[in-house]
N, C-alpha and C. Protein backbone atom coordinates (compact mmCIF):
# COMPACT_ATOMS: atom_id res chain seq x y z
N MET A 1 -14.23 2.98 19.26
CA MET A 1 -13.10 3.13 17.84
C MET A 1 -14.28 3.41 17.18
N SER A 2 -14.06 3.92 16.27
CA SER A 2 -14.91 4.05 14.69
C SER A 2 -14.65 2.85 14.22
N ARG A 3 -15.53 2.17 12.88
CA ARG A 3 -15.37 1.53 12.14
C ARG A 3 -14.18 1.51 11.37
N ASP A 4 -13.87 2.44 10.54
CA ASP A 4 -12.83 3.56 9.61
C ASP A 4 -11.15 3.38 10.64
N VAL A 5 -11.44 3.61 12.01
CA VAL A 5 -10.50 3.20 12.58
C VAL A 5 -9.98 1.84 12.72
N GLN A 6 -10.85 1.03 12.77
CA GLN A 6 -10.88 0.10 13.29
C GLN A 6 -10.32 -0.84 11.83
N VAL A 7 -10.47 -0.40 10.77
CA VAL A 7 -10.55 -0.76 9.44
C VAL A 7 -8.66 -0.08 9.75
N SER A 8 -8.58 0.41 9.22
CA SER A 8 -6.93 1.38 8.96
C SER A 8 -6.24 0.03 10.67
N LYS A 9 -6.24 0.65 11.24
CA LYS A 9 -5.18 -0.47 12.35
C LYS A 9 -5.48 -1.71 12.14
N ALA A 10 -6.18 -2.44 11.52
CA ALA A 10 -5.98 -3.86 11.15
C ALA A 10 -5.14 -3.77 9.01
N LEU A 11 -5.13 -3.14 8.88
CA LEU A 11 -4.54 -2.51 7.48
C LEU A 11 -3.20 -1.91 8.34
N SER A 12 -2.67 -1.84 8.74
CA SER A 12 -1.48 -1.78 9.36
C SER A 12 -0.90 -2.98 10.29
N LYS A 13 -2.08 -3.31 10.56
CA LYS A 13 -1.52 -4.29 10.96
C LYS A 13 -0.94 -5.58 10.29
N LEU A 14 -1.47 -5.83 9.36
CA LEU A 14 -1.48 -6.98 8.18
C LEU A 14 -0.45 -6.19 7.21
N LEU A 15 -0.29 -4.70 6.86
CA LEU A 15 1.05 -4.32 5.86
C LEU A 15 1.92 -4.62 6.68
N ARG A 16 2.84 -3.57 7.66
CA ARG A 16 3.36 -3.70 8.34
C ARG A 16 4.08 -4.75 9.42
N HIS A 17 3.26 -5.50 9.59
CA HIS A 17 3.70 -6.82 11.00
C HIS A 17 3.53 -7.49 10.85
N ASP A 18 2.66 -8.27 9.70
CA ASP A 18 2.04 -9.52 9.47
C ASP A 18 1.63 -9.85 8.46
N ALA A 19 2.29 -9.12 7.22
CA ALA A 19 1.92 -10.14 6.22
C ALA A 19 3.02 -11.44 5.47
N VAL A 20 3.66 -11.68 6.25
CA VAL A 20 4.32 -13.09 6.13
C VAL A 20 3.60 -13.71 7.22
N LYS A 21 4.25 -13.71 8.07
CA LYS A 21 2.76 -14.64 9.47
C LYS A 21 1.38 -14.93 8.00
N ALA A 22 0.49 -14.02 8.06
CA ALA A 22 -0.84 -14.22 7.22
C ALA A 22 -0.32 -14.63 5.40
N GLY A 23 1.08 -15.30 5.20
CA GLY A 23 0.81 -15.78 4.24
C GLY A 23 0.65 -15.24 2.69
N LEU A 24 0.51 -13.74 2.91
CA LEU A 24 0.66 -12.70 2.38
C LEU A 24 2.10 -12.28 1.18
N GLU A 25 2.01 -12.18 0.09
CA GLU A 25 2.84 -12.09 -0.55
C GLU A 25 3.33 -10.59 -1.34
N LEU A 26 4.67 -9.39 -0.72
CA LEU A 26 4.68 -8.75 -0.92
C LEU A 26 5.40 -8.66 -1.66
N ASP A 27 5.22 -7.29 -2.21
CA ASP A 27 6.32 -7.16 -3.41
C ASP A 27 7.59 -6.97 -3.27
N ASP A 28 8.38 -5.97 -3.90
CA ASP A 28 10.46 -4.99 -3.44
C ASP A 28 9.47 -3.87 -3.19
N GLU A 29 8.28 -3.45 -3.05
CA GLU A 29 8.25 -2.00 -2.46
C GLU A 29 7.05 -2.47 -1.00
N GLY A 30 6.65 -3.46 -1.04
CA GLY A 30 5.35 -3.86 0.00
C GLY A 30 3.98 -3.30 -0.64
N PHE A 31 4.15 -4.37 -1.51
CA PHE A 31 2.91 -4.33 -2.32
C PHE A 31 2.50 -5.24 -2.23
N ALA A 32 1.07 -5.72 -1.56
CA ALA A 32 0.13 -6.59 -1.34
C ALA A 32 -0.88 -6.86 -2.28
N SER A 33 -1.34 -7.32 -3.36
CA SER A 33 -2.58 -7.48 -4.32
C SER A 33 -3.54 -7.02 -3.42
N VAL A 34 -4.68 -5.76 -2.96
CA VAL A 34 -5.56 -5.88 -2.76
C VAL A 34 -7.13 -6.83 -2.62
N ASP A 35 -6.82 -8.26 -3.87
CA ASP A 35 -8.08 -9.10 -2.86
C ASP A 35 -7.37 -9.67 -2.19
N GLN A 36 -6.23 -10.43 -2.09
CA GLN A 36 -5.51 -10.86 -1.13
C GLN A 36 -5.57 -10.39 0.28
N VAL A 37 -5.55 -8.99 0.04
CA VAL A 37 -5.84 -8.30 1.44
C VAL A 37 -7.12 -8.25 2.20
N LEU A 38 -7.97 -8.60 1.44
CA LEU A 38 -9.27 -8.41 1.25
C LEU A 38 -9.91 -9.63 2.04
N GLN A 39 -8.82 -10.81 1.81
CA GLN A 39 -9.44 -12.25 2.58
C GLN A 39 -7.85 -12.65 4.15
N TRP A 40 -7.40 -11.50 3.93
CA TRP A 40 -6.76 -11.79 5.63
C TRP A 40 -8.11 -11.76 6.95
N ASN A 41 -8.49 -12.67 7.40
CA ASN A 41 -9.26 -12.80 8.34
C ASN A 41 -10.07 -11.81 8.99
N ARG A 42 -8.64 -11.30 9.97
CA ARG A 42 -9.72 -10.09 10.30
C ARG A 42 -10.21 -9.07 10.14
N LEU A 43 -10.15 -8.74 8.26
CA LEU A 43 -9.85 -7.69 7.41
C LEU A 43 -11.69 -8.27 7.13
N LYS A 44 -11.87 -9.98 6.68
CA LYS A 44 -13.05 -10.53 6.24
C LYS A 44 -14.25 -10.60 8.26
N SER A 45 -13.37 -10.55 8.80
CA SER A 45 -14.43 -10.63 10.34
C SER A 45 -15.23 -8.85 10.38
N LEU A 46 -14.07 -8.04 9.82
CA LEU A 46 -14.63 -6.76 10.28
C LEU A 46 -16.17 -6.44 8.49
N LYS A 47 -16.20 -7.28 7.36
CA LYS A 47 -16.33 -7.08 6.14
C LYS A 47 -15.55 -6.04 5.33
N VAL A 48 -14.18 -5.83 5.50
CA VAL A 48 -13.89 -4.77 4.64
C VAL A 48 -14.36 -5.11 2.79
N THR A 49 -15.02 -3.67 2.70
CA THR A 49 -14.89 -3.83 1.02
C THR A 49 -14.07 -3.32 0.31
N PHE A 50 -13.64 -3.39 -0.80
CA PHE A 50 -12.97 -2.83 -1.95
C PHE A 50 -13.13 -1.04 -1.45
N ASP A 51 -14.33 -0.36 -1.36
CA ASP A 51 -14.28 1.34 -0.77
C ASP A 51 -13.76 1.63 0.00
N ASP A 52 -14.23 0.18 1.52
CA ASP A 52 -13.67 0.46 2.73
C ASP A 52 -12.02 0.85 2.62
N ILE A 53 -11.41 0.35 1.70
CA ILE A 53 -10.00 0.51 2.01
C ILE A 53 -9.77 1.74 0.45
N LEU A 54 -10.48 1.69 -0.01
CA LEU A 54 -10.30 3.61 -0.67
C LEU A 54 -10.32 4.33 0.04
N THR A 55 -11.20 4.25 1.41
CA THR A 55 -11.37 4.95 2.17
C THR A 55 -10.37 5.59 3.09
N SER A 56 -10.29 4.46 3.40
CA SER A 56 -9.10 4.21 4.79
C SER A 56 -7.81 5.06 3.43
N VAL A 57 -7.36 4.99 2.40
CA VAL A 57 -6.16 5.36 1.39
C VAL A 57 -6.56 7.09 1.80
N SER A 58 -7.33 7.18 0.73
CA SER A 58 -8.08 8.57 0.77
C SER A 58 -8.28 9.54 2.12
N ASP A 59 -8.65 9.18 2.81
CA ASP A 59 -9.59 10.08 4.45
C ASP A 59 -8.10 9.86 5.13
N ASN A 60 -7.14 9.52 4.68
CA ASN A 60 -6.00 8.96 5.99
C ASN A 60 -5.60 10.65 5.90
N SER A 61 -5.29 11.11 7.34
CA SER A 61 -4.90 12.41 7.21
C SER A 61 -3.31 12.43 7.30
N LYS A 62 -2.60 11.07 7.93
CA LYS A 62 -1.34 11.35 7.85
C LYS A 62 -0.61 9.80 6.98
N GLN A 63 -2.05 9.69 5.43
CA GLN A 63 -1.19 8.97 3.87
C GLN A 63 -0.42 7.68 4.52
N ARG A 64 -1.52 6.60 5.75
CA ARG A 64 -0.35 5.72 6.31
C ARG A 64 0.09 4.25 5.07
N PHE A 65 -1.36 4.64 3.76
CA PHE A 65 -1.16 3.24 3.08
C PHE A 65 -1.07 4.20 1.58
N ALA A 66 -0.68 3.19 0.26
CA ALA A 66 -0.45 3.79 -0.69
C ALA A 66 -1.46 2.96 -1.54
N LEU A 67 -2.39 3.12 -2.67
CA LEU A 67 -2.95 2.15 -3.81
C LEU A 67 -2.36 2.28 -5.15
N LYS A 68 -1.69 1.51 -5.98
CA LYS A 68 -1.65 1.35 -7.09
C LYS A 68 -3.06 0.60 -8.02
N LEU A 69 -2.08 1.15 -9.29
CA LEU A 69 -3.09 -0.21 -10.01
C LEU A 69 -1.84 -1.21 -10.65
N ASN A 70 -2.11 -2.25 -11.07
CA ASN A 70 -1.48 -3.57 -10.64
C ASN A 70 -0.57 -3.50 -11.98
N PRO A 71 0.80 -3.39 -12.21
CA PRO A 71 1.29 -2.99 -13.31
C PRO A 71 1.99 -4.54 -14.36
N ARG A 72 1.59 -5.48 -13.45
CA ARG A 72 1.85 -6.75 -14.44
C ARG A 72 0.94 -7.12 -14.56
N LEU A 73 -0.67 -6.87 -15.10
CA LEU A 73 -1.53 -6.73 -15.17
C LEU A 73 -1.70 -6.65 -17.43
N THR A 74 -2.14 -7.39 -17.97
CA THR A 74 -1.84 -7.07 -19.17
C THR A 74 -3.96 -7.80 -19.90
N PRO A 75 -4.47 -6.81 -20.16
CA PRO A 75 -4.51 -4.69 -20.57
C PRO A 75 -4.45 -4.24 -19.35
N ALA A 76 -3.34 -3.68 -19.42
CA ALA A 76 -3.55 -2.72 -18.04
C ALA A 76 -4.99 -2.38 -17.41
N PRO A 77 -5.19 -3.06 -16.34
CA PRO A 77 -6.80 -2.23 -15.87
C PRO A 77 -6.86 -0.24 -16.35
N ALA A 78 -8.27 0.28 -16.10
CA ALA A 78 -8.80 1.08 -16.31
C ALA A 78 -8.96 1.70 -14.38
N PRO A 79 -7.82 3.38 -14.57
CA PRO A 79 -7.98 3.84 -13.14
C PRO A 79 -9.05 3.90 -12.95
N THR A 80 -10.41 3.74 -13.30
CA THR A 80 -11.91 3.73 -12.78
C THR A 80 -12.29 2.64 -12.17
N SER A 81 -10.96 1.42 -12.09
CA SER A 81 -11.40 0.08 -11.72
C SER A 81 -11.98 -0.50 -10.56
N THR A 82 -12.85 -0.77 -10.11
CA THR A 82 -13.44 -1.73 -8.62
C THR A 82 -12.97 -3.06 -8.12
N THR A 83 -12.07 -3.22 -9.30
CA THR A 83 -12.05 -4.87 -9.03
C THR A 83 -10.64 -5.17 -8.32
N PRO A 84 -10.48 -5.29 -7.15
CA PRO A 84 -9.60 -5.48 -6.68
C PRO A 84 -8.31 -5.92 -6.74
N SER A 85 -8.05 -7.01 -7.63
CA SER A 85 -7.56 -7.75 -8.28
C SER A 85 -7.24 -6.75 -9.16
N ASP A 86 -6.99 -5.75 -9.33
CA ASP A 86 -6.71 -4.80 -10.15
C ASP A 86 -5.17 -3.69 -9.49
N TRP A 87 -5.44 -3.90 -8.24
CA TRP A 87 -4.79 -2.81 -7.40
C TRP A 87 -3.78 -3.09 -6.03
N LEU A 88 -2.98 -2.53 -6.01
CA LEU A 88 -2.18 -3.09 -5.17
C LEU A 88 -1.85 -2.67 -3.90
N ILE A 89 -1.89 -2.54 -2.55
CA ILE A 89 -1.96 -1.60 -1.94
C ILE A 89 -0.60 -1.90 -0.74
N ARG A 90 0.13 -1.20 -0.19
CA ARG A 90 1.34 -0.85 0.37
C ARG A 90 1.30 -0.22 2.29
N ALA A 91 1.56 -0.43 2.88
CA ALA A 91 1.64 0.82 3.90
C ALA A 91 2.96 1.74 4.03
N ASN A 92 3.21 2.92 3.93
CA ASN A 92 3.65 3.59 3.56
C ASN A 92 5.08 4.11 4.68
N GLN A 93 4.91 3.59 5.78
CA GLN A 93 6.08 3.51 6.87
C GLN A 93 5.98 2.54 7.70
N GLY A 94 6.75 2.70 9.08
CA GLY A 94 6.60 1.52 10.14
C GLY A 94 6.82 0.94 10.28
N HIS A 95 7.22 -0.56 8.90
CA HIS A 95 7.08 -1.86 8.90
C HIS A 95 8.01 -2.69 9.88
N SER A 96 8.09 -3.60 10.43
CA SER A 96 8.77 -4.92 10.95
C SER A 96 9.32 -5.64 9.92
N ILE A 97 8.67 -5.49 9.22
CA ILE A 97 9.57 -6.57 7.72
C ILE A 97 10.04 -6.34 7.11
N ALA A 98 10.92 -6.13 6.21
CA ALA A 98 12.11 -6.50 5.55
C ALA A 98 11.90 -5.69 4.27
N ILE A 99 11.24 -4.43 3.90
CA ILE A 99 10.79 -3.85 3.08
C ILE A 99 12.27 -3.43 1.70
N GLU A 100 12.61 -3.56 0.38
CA GLU A 100 13.06 -3.17 0.21
C GLU A 100 13.21 -1.72 -0.59
N SER A 101 13.81 -1.02 0.31
CA SER A 101 12.66 0.61 0.10
C SER A 101 13.07 1.44 -1.09
N SER A 102 14.36 0.90 -1.54
CA SER A 102 15.63 0.90 -2.79
C SER A 102 14.97 1.71 -3.69
N ALA A 103 13.50 0.47 -4.08
CA ALA A 103 13.03 0.38 -5.31
C ALA A 103 11.81 1.62 -5.43
N LEU A 104 11.80 2.37 -3.83
CA LEU A 104 10.99 3.50 -4.20
C LEU A 104 11.51 4.33 -4.94
N LEU A 105 12.54 4.84 -4.70
CA LEU A 105 13.78 5.84 -3.98
C LEU A 105 14.11 5.89 -6.34
N THR A 106 14.23 7.42 -6.45
CA THR A 106 14.17 7.99 -7.31
C THR A 106 15.77 8.90 -7.36
N PRO A 107 17.35 8.45 -7.98
CA PRO A 107 18.22 9.37 -8.28
C PRO A 107 18.22 10.42 -8.73
N ILE A 108 18.54 11.18 -8.22
CA ILE A 108 18.47 12.85 -8.78
C ILE A 108 19.71 13.13 -8.84
N THR A 109 20.19 13.62 -10.47
CA THR A 109 21.62 13.45 -10.79
C THR A 109 21.76 14.88 -11.88
N LEU A 110 22.62 14.94 -12.13
CA LEU A 110 22.74 15.84 -13.73
C LEU A 110 21.82 15.67 -14.58
N GLU A 111 22.70 14.52 -15.07
CA GLU A 111 22.20 14.01 -16.69
C GLU A 111 20.90 13.96 -16.93
N ALA A 112 20.29 13.59 -15.69
CA ALA A 112 18.28 13.48 -15.84
C ALA A 112 18.04 14.37 -15.82
N ASP A 113 18.71 15.67 -15.06
CA ASP A 113 17.77 16.49 -14.90
C ASP A 113 16.69 16.94 -14.37
N ASN A 114 16.83 16.24 -13.33
CA ASN A 114 15.58 16.17 -12.31
C ASN A 114 16.24 16.76 -10.39
N ILE A 115 16.87 17.64 -11.14
CA ILE A 115 16.96 18.76 -9.34
C ILE A 115 16.16 19.02 -9.37
N PRO A 116 15.63 18.42 -7.89
CA PRO A 116 15.01 20.18 -7.17
C PRO A 116 15.40 21.52 -6.68
N PRO A 117 13.96 22.26 -6.45
CA PRO A 117 15.00 23.97 -6.42
C PRO A 117 15.56 23.12 -4.54
N ILE A 118 15.15 22.73 -3.61
CA ILE A 118 15.17 22.20 -2.27
C ILE A 118 15.65 20.35 -1.91
N VAL A 119 16.56 20.38 -1.41
CA VAL A 119 16.51 18.71 -1.41
C VAL A 119 16.72 18.97 0.42
N VAL A 120 16.31 17.76 1.17
CA VAL A 120 16.61 17.99 2.03
C VAL A 120 16.87 16.10 2.20
N HIS A 121 17.66 16.54 3.24
CA HIS A 121 18.45 14.88 4.36
C HIS A 121 18.46 14.97 4.96
N GLY A 122 18.29 13.40 5.89
CA GLY A 122 17.75 13.45 7.40
C GLY A 122 17.81 11.78 6.94
N THR A 123 18.69 11.40 8.15
CA THR A 123 19.85 10.10 8.74
C THR A 123 18.99 9.82 9.62
């Protein structure tokens, strides 16, 4: 198994299933601080770096992860920041731990004038 796959699998396990057990704090959307993620023993044993995480996010064809700048930081970090504590990461799907997904949704309303040409509803 390639190192990239090992890193991706470890990130999935942590962010989808083991965050609470690992003492990792997730926000309502399931985001965790990248600097805390890098402290998880499994990732430390793989010697995962911030660049490895960037690769896992950008190169994953299934878009398993999302990164965003930490909006709680003042001043706001630059989008080119390579400081792990400036970033948050989440698994996009398949959580076995409770995640408040409504925070990820955008209401579609006539008043907001945000109705797309095609809307698909799945249950």
